[in-house]
Amino acid sequence: MNRQRGTVLLMSLMFLVVLSLLGIAMVSSTSVEERMARNARDQDVAMQAAESALRDARIRITGYYANPATPLNSWDFADDCSNGLCTRNATQPVWSNFSLDTTPSTTLGTTTNSPTIFGVSAQPRYLIERIIIQMPGGPITGVGSGLTAHRITAKGVGRSSNIIVQEVVVL
């Protein structure tokens, strides 16, 4: 009978080790889930920032930030993308030639006085590119060669995420 007394102690120690390992696994699983949720939120914030830059660019294109409204005209756009307004480059898209982190891209609210966004490491920026959409069966060049549109490329930054979105606006 004395030989069986050590068995209960051994079984309780094994049970304690299993419960400890289970507790450690639960804590590590919770921290992984917390990091995943934090990253998802950061990406959502970056996407919302990029979308706010798209909205700011649409307001700038239509000119509704001023009274009376002063929409952009073709003379506002330049090859060097000054003030974030770019003419179309036939060989490469402007977002690959010009930075969305510094000038010539425009920061949210620079022209339109839109409010800044909190909770981001940098305010969203955008470029507006004036493009011509060719009409089917229409002339390739000259007057009436296509429909004038604006391609907006915007970058939103969260705390550690970067999101780049594009939109084509036809007025």
N, C-alpha and C. Protein backbone atom coordinates (compact mmCIF):
# COMPACT_ATOMS: atom_id res chain seq x y z
N MET A 1 0.81 -1.18 0.00
CA MET A 1 0.00 0.00 0.00
C MET A 1 0.86 1.26 0.00
N ASN A 2 2.03 1.23 0.60
CA ASN A 2 2.89 2.39 0.66
C ASN A 2 3.45 2.75 -0.72
N ARG A 3 3.54 1.79 -1.65
CA ARG A 3 4.09 2.07 -2.98
C ARG A 3 3.10 2.89 -3.81
N GLN A 4 1.82 2.87 -3.51
CA GLN A 4 0.84 3.59 -4.32
C GLN A 4 0.71 5.06 -3.91
N ARG A 5 1.22 5.48 -2.81
CA ARG A 5 1.10 6.89 -2.38
C ARG A 5 1.85 7.82 -3.32
N GLY A 6 2.95 7.45 -3.87
CA GLY A 6 3.70 8.28 -4.82
C GLY A 6 3.01 8.43 -6.15
N THR A 7 2.14 7.50 -6.52
CA THR A 7 1.43 7.54 -7.79
C THR A 7 0.48 8.74 -7.84
N VAL A 8 -0.21 9.01 -6.77
CA VAL A 8 -1.14 10.15 -6.73
C VAL A 8 -0.37 11.46 -6.90
N LEU A 9 0.75 11.57 -6.27
CA LEU A 9 1.57 12.78 -6.40
C LEU A 9 2.07 12.95 -7.84
N LEU A 10 2.52 11.87 -8.42
CA LEU A 10 3.00 11.91 -9.81
C LEU A 10 1.88 12.29 -10.77
N MET A 11 0.70 11.72 -10.59
CA MET A 11 -0.45 12.04 -11.46
C MET A 11 -0.86 13.51 -11.30
N SER A 12 -0.87 14.02 -10.08
CA SER A 12 -1.25 15.42 -9.89
C SER A 12 -0.22 16.36 -10.50
N LEU A 13 1.06 16.03 -10.44
CA LEU A 13 2.08 16.86 -11.08
C LEU A 13 1.93 16.85 -12.60
N MET A 14 1.64 15.69 -13.17
CA MET A 14 1.42 15.61 -14.63
C MET A 14 0.19 16.43 -15.03
N PHE A 15 -0.87 16.33 -14.23
CA PHE A 15 -2.08 17.11 -14.51
C PHE A 15 -1.79 18.61 -14.42
N LEU A 16 -0.98 19.02 -13.47
CA LEU A 16 -0.60 20.41 -13.31
C LEU A 16 0.23 20.90 -14.50
N VAL A 17 1.14 20.08 -15.00
CA VAL A 17 1.95 20.43 -16.17
C VAL A 17 1.06 20.59 -17.41
N VAL A 18 0.11 19.69 -17.61
CA VAL A 18 -0.80 19.79 -18.76
C VAL A 18 -1.63 21.06 -18.68
N LEU A 19 -2.16 21.38 -17.51
CA LEU A 19 -2.94 22.62 -17.35
C LEU A 19 -2.08 23.86 -17.57
N SER A 20 -0.83 23.83 -17.13
CA SER A 20 0.06 24.97 -17.35
C SER A 20 0.34 25.15 -18.84
N LEU A 21 0.61 24.07 -19.55
CA LEU A 21 0.84 24.16 -21.00
C LEU A 21 -0.40 24.67 -21.72
N LEU A 22 -1.56 24.22 -21.31
CA LEU A 22 -2.81 24.69 -21.91
C LEU A 22 -3.00 26.19 -21.67
N GLY A 23 -2.69 26.66 -20.46
CA GLY A 23 -2.80 28.09 -20.15
C GLY A 23 -1.83 28.92 -20.97
N ILE A 24 -0.61 28.45 -21.14
CA ILE A 24 0.39 29.17 -21.96
C ILE A 24 -0.06 29.25 -23.41
N ALA A 25 -0.63 28.15 -23.93
CA ALA A 25 -1.11 28.14 -25.32
C ALA A 25 -2.25 29.14 -25.50
N MET A 26 -3.13 29.24 -24.51
CA MET A 26 -4.26 30.18 -24.61
C MET A 26 -3.76 31.63 -24.61
N VAL A 27 -2.78 31.93 -23.76
CA VAL A 27 -2.24 33.30 -23.69
C VAL A 27 -1.57 33.66 -25.00
N SER A 28 -0.78 32.76 -25.56
CA SER A 28 -0.10 33.07 -26.83
C SER A 28 -1.10 33.21 -27.96
N SER A 29 -2.16 32.40 -27.98
CA SER A 29 -3.20 32.51 -29.00
C SER A 29 -3.91 33.86 -28.90
N THR A 30 -4.18 34.31 -27.69
CA THR A 30 -4.84 35.59 -27.50
C THR A 30 -3.97 36.75 -27.98
N SER A 31 -2.67 36.69 -27.73
CA SER A 31 -1.80 37.78 -28.17
C SER A 31 -1.68 37.81 -29.69
N VAL A 32 -1.70 36.66 -30.34
CA VAL A 32 -1.68 36.62 -31.81
C VAL A 32 -2.97 37.23 -32.37
N GLU A 33 -4.09 36.88 -31.78
CA GLU A 33 -5.36 37.44 -32.23
C GLU A 33 -5.40 38.95 -32.01
N GLU A 34 -4.83 39.42 -30.92
CA GLU A 34 -4.79 40.85 -30.66
C GLU A 34 -3.95 41.58 -31.71
N ARG A 35 -2.80 41.01 -32.08
CA ARG A 35 -1.97 41.61 -33.13
C ARG A 35 -2.70 41.62 -34.47
N MET A 36 -3.43 40.54 -34.77
CA MET A 36 -4.19 40.49 -36.02
C MET A 36 -5.26 41.58 -36.05
N ALA A 37 -5.95 41.76 -34.94
CA ALA A 37 -6.98 42.80 -34.86
C ALA A 37 -6.36 44.19 -34.98
N ARG A 38 -5.21 44.39 -34.36
CA ARG A 38 -4.53 45.69 -34.45
C ARG A 38 -4.12 45.98 -35.89
N ASN A 39 -3.58 44.99 -36.59
CA ASN A 39 -3.19 45.18 -37.99
C ASN A 39 -4.39 45.44 -38.88
N ALA A 40 -5.50 44.73 -38.65
CA ALA A 40 -6.71 44.96 -39.43
C ALA A 40 -7.23 46.37 -39.22
N ARG A 41 -7.21 46.84 -37.97
CA ARG A 41 -7.65 48.21 -37.69
C ARG A 41 -6.74 49.23 -38.36
N ASP A 42 -5.44 48.97 -38.33
CA ASP A 42 -4.48 49.88 -38.95
C ASP A 42 -4.71 49.97 -40.46
N GLN A 43 -5.00 48.84 -41.09
CA GLN A 43 -5.30 48.87 -42.52
C GLN A 43 -6.60 49.60 -42.80
N ASP A 44 -7.60 49.43 -41.95
CA ASP A 44 -8.86 50.16 -42.11
C ASP A 44 -8.64 51.67 -41.99
N VAL A 45 -7.83 52.08 -41.03
CA VAL A 45 -7.54 53.51 -40.86
C VAL A 45 -6.82 54.05 -42.09
N ALA A 46 -5.85 53.30 -42.61
CA ALA A 46 -5.12 53.73 -43.81
C ALA A 46 -6.06 53.81 -45.01
N MET A 47 -6.98 52.87 -45.15
CA MET A 47 -7.94 52.89 -46.25
C MET A 47 -8.88 54.10 -46.13
N GLN A 48 -9.34 54.38 -44.93
CA GLN A 48 -10.20 55.55 -44.73
C GLN A 48 -9.45 56.84 -45.02
N ALA A 49 -8.18 56.89 -44.67
CA ALA A 49 -7.37 58.08 -44.98
C ALA A 49 -7.23 58.24 -46.49
N ALA A 50 -6.97 57.15 -47.21
CA ALA A 50 -6.85 57.22 -48.66
C ALA A 50 -8.18 57.65 -49.30
N GLU A 51 -9.29 57.13 -48.79
CA GLU A 51 -10.59 57.53 -49.31
C GLU A 51 -10.89 58.99 -49.03
N SER A 52 -10.44 59.50 -47.90
CA SER A 52 -10.65 60.93 -47.62
C SER A 52 -9.81 61.78 -48.57
N ALA A 53 -8.64 61.30 -48.97
CA ALA A 53 -7.84 62.02 -49.96
C ALA A 53 -8.53 62.00 -51.32
N LEU A 54 -9.17 60.89 -51.69
CA LEU A 54 -9.95 60.84 -52.93
C LEU A 54 -11.08 61.88 -52.89
N ARG A 55 -11.78 61.93 -51.76
CA ARG A 55 -12.88 62.91 -51.63
C ARG A 55 -12.35 64.34 -51.72
N ASP A 56 -11.21 64.60 -51.08
CA ASP A 56 -10.61 65.93 -51.13
C ASP A 56 -10.23 66.30 -52.57
N ALA A 57 -9.70 65.34 -53.31
CA ALA A 57 -9.32 65.59 -54.70
C ALA A 57 -10.56 65.86 -55.56
N ARG A 58 -11.66 65.12 -55.33
CA ARG A 58 -12.90 65.38 -56.09
C ARG A 58 -13.42 66.78 -55.81
N ILE A 59 -13.34 67.21 -54.54
CA ILE A 59 -13.76 68.58 -54.20
C ILE A 59 -12.88 69.59 -54.92
N ARG A 60 -11.59 69.31 -55.00
CA ARG A 60 -10.65 70.22 -55.68
C ARG A 60 -10.94 70.28 -57.17
N ILE A 61 -11.25 69.13 -57.78
CA ILE A 61 -11.54 69.10 -59.23
C ILE A 61 -12.78 69.93 -59.54
N THR A 62 -13.83 69.76 -58.75
CA THR A 62 -15.08 70.48 -59.02
C THR A 62 -15.02 71.93 -58.56
N GLY A 63 -14.11 72.24 -57.64
CA GLY A 63 -13.98 73.61 -57.16
C GLY A 63 -14.99 74.01 -56.13
N TYR A 64 -15.69 73.05 -55.52
CA TYR A 64 -16.73 73.36 -54.55
C TYR A 64 -16.21 73.83 -53.21
N TYR A 65 -14.91 73.97 -53.04
CA TYR A 65 -14.36 74.50 -51.79
C TYR A 65 -14.39 76.02 -51.78
N ALA A 66 -14.64 76.62 -52.93
CA ALA A 66 -14.69 78.09 -53.03
C ALA A 66 -16.10 78.52 -53.41
N ASN A 67 -16.41 79.80 -53.13
CA ASN A 67 -17.70 80.34 -53.50
C ASN A 67 -17.47 81.62 -54.29
N PRO A 68 -17.76 81.66 -55.57
CA PRO A 68 -18.36 80.60 -56.38
C PRO A 68 -17.35 79.50 -56.70
N ALA A 69 -17.88 78.34 -57.09
CA ALA A 69 -17.03 77.18 -57.39
C ALA A 69 -16.08 77.51 -58.54
N THR A 70 -14.84 77.09 -58.39
CA THR A 70 -13.83 77.32 -59.43
C THR A 70 -13.20 75.98 -59.82
N PRO A 71 -13.82 75.26 -60.76
CA PRO A 71 -13.29 73.96 -61.16
C PRO A 71 -11.91 74.10 -61.81
N LEU A 72 -11.15 73.02 -61.79
CA LEU A 72 -9.84 73.02 -62.44
C LEU A 72 -10.01 73.12 -63.95
N ASN A 73 -9.09 73.80 -64.60
CA ASN A 73 -9.09 73.83 -66.06
C ASN A 73 -7.78 73.24 -66.57
N SER A 74 -7.67 73.06 -67.86
CA SER A 74 -6.50 72.37 -68.43
C SER A 74 -5.20 73.12 -68.19
N TRP A 75 -5.25 74.43 -67.95
CA TRP A 75 -4.03 75.20 -67.73
C TRP A 75 -3.45 74.99 -66.33
N ASP A 76 -4.23 74.43 -65.43
CA ASP A 76 -3.75 74.18 -64.07
C ASP A 76 -2.77 73.01 -64.00
N PHE A 77 -2.79 72.15 -65.01
CA PHE A 77 -1.99 70.93 -64.99
C PHE A 77 -0.63 71.15 -65.66
N ALA A 78 0.42 70.48 -65.14
CA ALA A 78 1.77 70.67 -65.66
C ALA A 78 2.48 69.32 -65.75
N ASP A 79 3.50 69.27 -66.60
CA ASP A 79 4.29 68.05 -66.75
C ASP A 79 5.06 67.69 -65.48
N ASP A 80 5.43 68.70 -64.68
CA ASP A 80 6.19 68.43 -63.47
C ASP A 80 5.28 68.16 -62.25
N CYS A 81 3.98 68.06 -62.49
CA CYS A 81 2.99 67.78 -61.43
C CYS A 81 3.01 68.81 -60.31
N SER A 82 3.30 70.07 -60.65
CA SER A 82 3.32 71.09 -59.60
C SER A 82 1.94 71.17 -58.95
N ASN A 83 1.93 71.29 -57.63
CA ASN A 83 0.71 71.33 -56.82
C ASN A 83 -0.13 70.06 -56.94
N GLY A 84 0.49 68.95 -57.33
CA GLY A 84 -0.22 67.68 -57.42
C GLY A 84 -1.10 67.54 -58.63
N LEU A 85 -0.98 68.45 -59.60
CA LEU A 85 -1.79 68.41 -60.83
C LEU A 85 -0.90 68.02 -61.99
N CYS A 86 -1.15 66.88 -62.61
CA CYS A 86 -0.25 66.31 -63.61
C CYS A 86 -0.92 66.19 -64.98
N THR A 87 -0.13 66.46 -66.01
CA THR A 87 -0.58 66.12 -67.36
C THR A 87 -0.21 64.67 -67.60
N ARG A 88 -0.89 64.05 -68.52
CA ARG A 88 -0.68 62.61 -68.76
C ARG A 88 0.66 62.38 -69.42
N ASN A 89 1.41 61.44 -68.88
CA ASN A 89 2.67 61.02 -69.46
C ASN A 89 2.37 59.80 -70.33
N ALA A 90 2.73 59.86 -71.60
CA ALA A 90 2.38 58.79 -72.54
C ALA A 90 3.15 57.50 -72.28
N THR A 91 4.30 57.58 -71.64
CA THR A 91 5.12 56.38 -71.48
C THR A 91 4.92 55.69 -70.14
N GLN A 92 4.77 56.45 -69.05
CA GLN A 92 4.62 55.85 -67.73
C GLN A 92 3.54 56.58 -66.94
N PRO A 93 2.83 55.85 -66.09
CA PRO A 93 1.83 56.52 -65.25
C PRO A 93 2.50 57.46 -64.24
N VAL A 94 1.82 58.53 -63.92
CA VAL A 94 2.44 59.55 -63.05
C VAL A 94 2.73 59.03 -61.66
N TRP A 95 1.93 58.10 -61.14
CA TRP A 95 2.16 57.63 -59.78
C TRP A 95 3.44 56.81 -59.67
N SER A 96 3.98 56.35 -60.80
CA SER A 96 5.27 55.65 -60.74
C SER A 96 6.44 56.63 -60.91
N ASN A 97 6.18 57.82 -61.46
CA ASN A 97 7.24 58.82 -61.66
C ASN A 97 7.37 59.80 -60.50
N PHE A 98 6.28 60.06 -59.80
CA PHE A 98 6.27 61.09 -58.76
C PHE A 98 5.91 60.47 -57.41
N SER A 99 6.44 61.07 -56.36
CA SER A 99 6.27 60.54 -55.02
C SER A 99 4.89 60.87 -54.45
N LEU A 100 4.33 59.90 -53.76
CA LEU A 100 3.11 60.14 -53.00
C LEU A 100 3.43 60.38 -51.52
N ASP A 101 4.72 60.49 -51.20
CA ASP A 101 5.13 60.74 -49.82
C ASP A 101 5.54 62.20 -49.59
N THR A 102 5.98 62.88 -50.65
CA THR A 102 6.41 64.27 -50.54
C THR A 102 5.87 65.02 -51.75
N THR A 103 6.35 66.25 -51.94
CA THR A 103 5.94 67.01 -53.11
C THR A 103 6.42 66.27 -54.35
N PRO A 104 5.72 66.33 -55.43
CA PRO A 104 4.65 67.26 -55.79
C PRO A 104 3.25 66.85 -55.38
N SER A 105 3.09 65.68 -54.73
CA SER A 105 1.74 65.30 -54.33
C SER A 105 1.21 66.28 -53.29
N THR A 106 -0.11 66.35 -53.20
CA THR A 106 -0.77 67.32 -52.34
C THR A 106 -1.29 66.64 -51.08
N THR A 107 -1.11 67.30 -49.95
CA THR A 107 -1.62 66.78 -48.68
C THR A 107 -3.10 67.13 -48.54
N LEU A 108 -3.82 66.26 -47.87
CA LEU A 108 -5.24 66.47 -47.61
C LEU A 108 -5.48 67.86 -47.02
N GLY A 109 -6.40 68.62 -47.62
CA GLY A 109 -6.80 69.91 -47.09
C GLY A 109 -5.94 71.09 -47.46
N THR A 110 -4.86 70.87 -48.24
CA THR A 110 -3.97 71.98 -48.60
C THR A 110 -4.72 73.06 -49.37
N THR A 111 -5.51 72.66 -50.33
CA THR A 111 -6.26 73.62 -51.14
C THR A 111 -7.69 73.78 -50.64
N THR A 112 -8.29 72.68 -50.19
CA THR A 112 -9.73 72.68 -49.86
C THR A 112 -10.03 72.96 -48.40
N ASN A 113 -9.01 73.05 -47.55
CA ASN A 113 -9.18 73.26 -46.12
C ASN A 113 -9.96 72.14 -45.43
N SER A 114 -9.89 70.92 -45.97
CA SER A 114 -10.49 69.77 -45.30
C SER A 114 -9.73 69.52 -44.00
N PRO A 115 -10.42 69.04 -42.97
CA PRO A 115 -9.74 68.83 -41.68
C PRO A 115 -8.74 67.68 -41.74
N THR A 116 -7.74 67.74 -40.86
CA THR A 116 -6.73 66.69 -40.80
C THR A 116 -7.32 65.44 -40.14
N ILE A 117 -6.64 64.33 -40.33
CA ILE A 117 -7.09 63.05 -39.78
C ILE A 117 -6.19 62.69 -38.60
N PHE A 118 -6.80 62.26 -37.51
CA PHE A 118 -6.05 61.85 -36.33
C PHE A 118 -5.84 60.34 -36.36
N GLY A 119 -4.78 59.87 -35.72
CA GLY A 119 -4.52 58.43 -35.62
C GLY A 119 -3.73 57.86 -36.78
N VAL A 120 -3.14 58.73 -37.61
CA VAL A 120 -2.31 58.26 -38.72
C VAL A 120 -0.90 58.83 -38.54
N SER A 121 0.08 58.13 -39.08
CA SER A 121 1.46 58.60 -38.93
C SER A 121 1.79 59.72 -39.91
N ALA A 122 1.03 59.84 -41.00
CA ALA A 122 1.20 60.93 -41.98
C ALA A 122 -0.15 61.22 -42.61
N GLN A 123 -0.40 62.46 -42.92
CA GLN A 123 -1.66 62.84 -43.56
C GLN A 123 -1.69 62.26 -44.99
N PRO A 124 -2.88 61.88 -45.48
CA PRO A 124 -2.97 61.31 -46.82
C PRO A 124 -2.58 62.33 -47.90
N ARG A 125 -2.06 61.83 -49.00
CA ARG A 125 -1.61 62.67 -50.11
C ARG A 125 -2.21 62.14 -51.41
N TYR A 126 -2.27 63.01 -52.43
CA TYR A 126 -2.83 62.57 -53.71
C TYR A 126 -2.21 63.33 -54.87
N LEU A 127 -2.32 62.71 -56.05
CA LEU A 127 -1.99 63.33 -57.34
C LEU A 127 -3.24 63.28 -58.22
N ILE A 128 -3.46 64.33 -58.99
CA ILE A 128 -4.57 64.35 -59.94
C ILE A 128 -3.96 64.41 -61.34
N GLU A 129 -4.32 63.46 -62.17
CA GLU A 129 -3.79 63.39 -63.54
C GLU A 129 -4.93 63.65 -64.52
N ARG A 130 -4.72 64.60 -65.41
CA ARG A 130 -5.72 64.91 -66.44
C ARG A 130 -5.51 63.94 -67.59
N ILE A 131 -6.56 63.18 -67.93
CA ILE A 131 -6.45 62.19 -69.01
C ILE A 131 -7.57 62.39 -70.01
N ILE A 132 -7.38 61.85 -71.20
CA ILE A 132 -8.40 61.87 -72.24
C ILE A 132 -8.82 60.43 -72.49
N ILE A 133 -10.10 60.15 -72.35
CA ILE A 133 -10.63 58.82 -72.62
C ILE A 133 -11.10 58.81 -74.07
N GLN A 134 -10.50 57.95 -74.88
CA GLN A 134 -10.83 57.88 -76.29
C GLN A 134 -12.25 57.34 -76.49
N MET A 135 -13.00 58.01 -77.34
CA MET A 135 -14.35 57.56 -77.66
C MET A 135 -14.27 56.50 -78.75
N PRO A 136 -15.08 55.45 -78.69
CA PRO A 136 -15.05 54.42 -79.73
C PRO A 136 -15.38 55.02 -81.10
N GLY A 137 -14.52 54.76 -82.07
CA GLY A 137 -14.74 55.24 -83.42
C GLY A 137 -14.43 56.71 -83.63
N GLY A 138 -13.99 57.41 -82.60
CA GLY A 138 -13.69 58.83 -82.70
C GLY A 138 -12.26 59.06 -83.14
N PRO A 139 -11.92 60.32 -83.45
CA PRO A 139 -10.54 60.62 -83.84
C PRO A 139 -9.57 60.43 -82.69
N ILE A 140 -8.34 60.09 -83.00
CA ILE A 140 -7.33 59.84 -81.97
C ILE A 140 -6.77 61.15 -81.43
N THR A 141 -6.60 62.14 -82.26
CA THR A 141 -6.08 63.44 -81.82
C THR A 141 -6.99 64.54 -82.33
N GLY A 142 -6.75 65.74 -81.81
CA GLY A 142 -7.50 66.91 -82.27
C GLY A 142 -8.69 67.20 -81.39
N VAL A 143 -9.45 68.23 -81.80
CA VAL A 143 -10.61 68.66 -81.04
C VAL A 143 -11.66 67.55 -81.05
N GLY A 144 -12.20 67.27 -79.90
CA GLY A 144 -13.23 66.24 -79.80
C GLY A 144 -12.67 64.84 -79.88
N SER A 145 -11.39 64.68 -79.56
CA SER A 145 -10.78 63.36 -79.68
C SER A 145 -11.15 62.43 -78.53
N GLY A 146 -11.77 62.94 -77.52
CA GLY A 146 -12.15 62.09 -76.40
C GLY A 146 -12.78 62.87 -75.28
N LEU A 147 -13.02 62.18 -74.21
CA LEU A 147 -13.68 62.73 -73.03
C LEU A 147 -12.62 63.07 -71.99
N THR A 148 -12.65 64.29 -71.47
CA THR A 148 -11.68 64.69 -70.45
C THR A 148 -12.10 64.10 -69.11
N ALA A 149 -11.14 63.47 -68.45
CA ALA A 149 -11.37 62.86 -67.15
C ALA A 149 -10.17 63.15 -66.27
N HIS A 150 -10.30 62.81 -65.01
CA HIS A 150 -9.21 62.99 -64.05
C HIS A 150 -8.99 61.69 -63.31
N ARG A 151 -7.75 61.22 -63.31
CA ARG A 151 -7.40 60.02 -62.54
C ARG A 151 -6.73 60.48 -61.25
N ILE A 152 -7.32 60.09 -60.13
CA ILE A 152 -6.79 60.46 -58.81
C ILE A 152 -6.07 59.25 -58.23
N THR A 153 -4.85 59.46 -57.80
CA THR A 153 -4.10 58.42 -57.09
C THR A 153 -3.85 58.95 -55.69
N ALA A 154 -4.34 58.22 -54.69
CA ALA A 154 -4.24 58.68 -53.30
C ALA A 154 -3.54 57.63 -52.45
N LYS A 155 -2.81 58.12 -51.46
CA LYS A 155 -2.11 57.23 -50.52
C LYS A 155 -2.51 57.57 -49.10
N GLY A 156 -2.98 56.56 -48.40
CA GLY A 156 -3.31 56.69 -46.99
C GLY A 156 -2.33 55.89 -46.16
N VAL A 157 -1.95 56.43 -45.02
CA VAL A 157 -0.98 55.78 -44.14
C VAL A 157 -1.61 55.64 -42.77
N GLY A 158 -1.57 54.41 -42.23
CA GLY A 158 -2.01 54.20 -40.84
C GLY A 158 -0.80 54.38 -39.93
N ARG A 159 -0.72 53.60 -38.91
CA ARG A 159 0.48 53.64 -38.07
C ARG A 159 1.61 52.87 -38.71
N SER A 160 1.28 51.76 -39.39
CA SER A 160 2.33 50.97 -40.06
C SER A 160 1.88 50.46 -41.43
N SER A 161 0.65 50.75 -41.86
CA SER A 161 0.13 50.28 -43.15
C SER A 161 0.09 51.41 -44.16
N ASN A 162 0.32 51.07 -45.42
CA ASN A 162 0.19 52.01 -46.54
C ASN A 162 -0.84 51.46 -47.52
N ILE A 163 -1.77 52.30 -47.93
CA ILE A 163 -2.79 51.90 -48.89
C ILE A 163 -2.78 52.92 -50.02
N ILE A 164 -2.74 52.45 -51.27
CA ILE A 164 -2.83 53.32 -52.44
C ILE A 164 -4.08 52.95 -53.22
N VAL A 165 -4.91 53.94 -53.50
CA VAL A 165 -6.15 53.73 -54.24
C VAL A 165 -6.20 54.69 -55.42
N GLN A 166 -6.98 54.31 -56.44
CA GLN A 166 -7.16 55.16 -57.61
C GLN A 166 -8.63 55.27 -57.94
N GLU A 167 -8.97 56.38 -58.59
CA GLU A 167 -10.34 56.62 -59.02
C GLU A 167 -10.29 57.49 -60.26
N VAL A 168 -11.17 57.24 -61.21
CA VAL A 168 -11.28 58.08 -62.39
C VAL A 168 -12.58 58.86 -62.27
N VAL A 169 -12.46 60.19 -62.38
CA VAL A 169 -13.62 61.08 -62.25
C VAL A 169 -13.90 61.69 -63.61
N VAL A 170 -15.12 61.51 -64.10
CA VAL A 170 -15.55 62.11 -65.36
C VAL A 170 -16.63 63.13 -65.03
N LEU A 171 -16.42 64.35 -65.43
CA LEU A 171 -17.41 65.40 -65.14
C LEU A 171 -18.26 65.70 -66.33
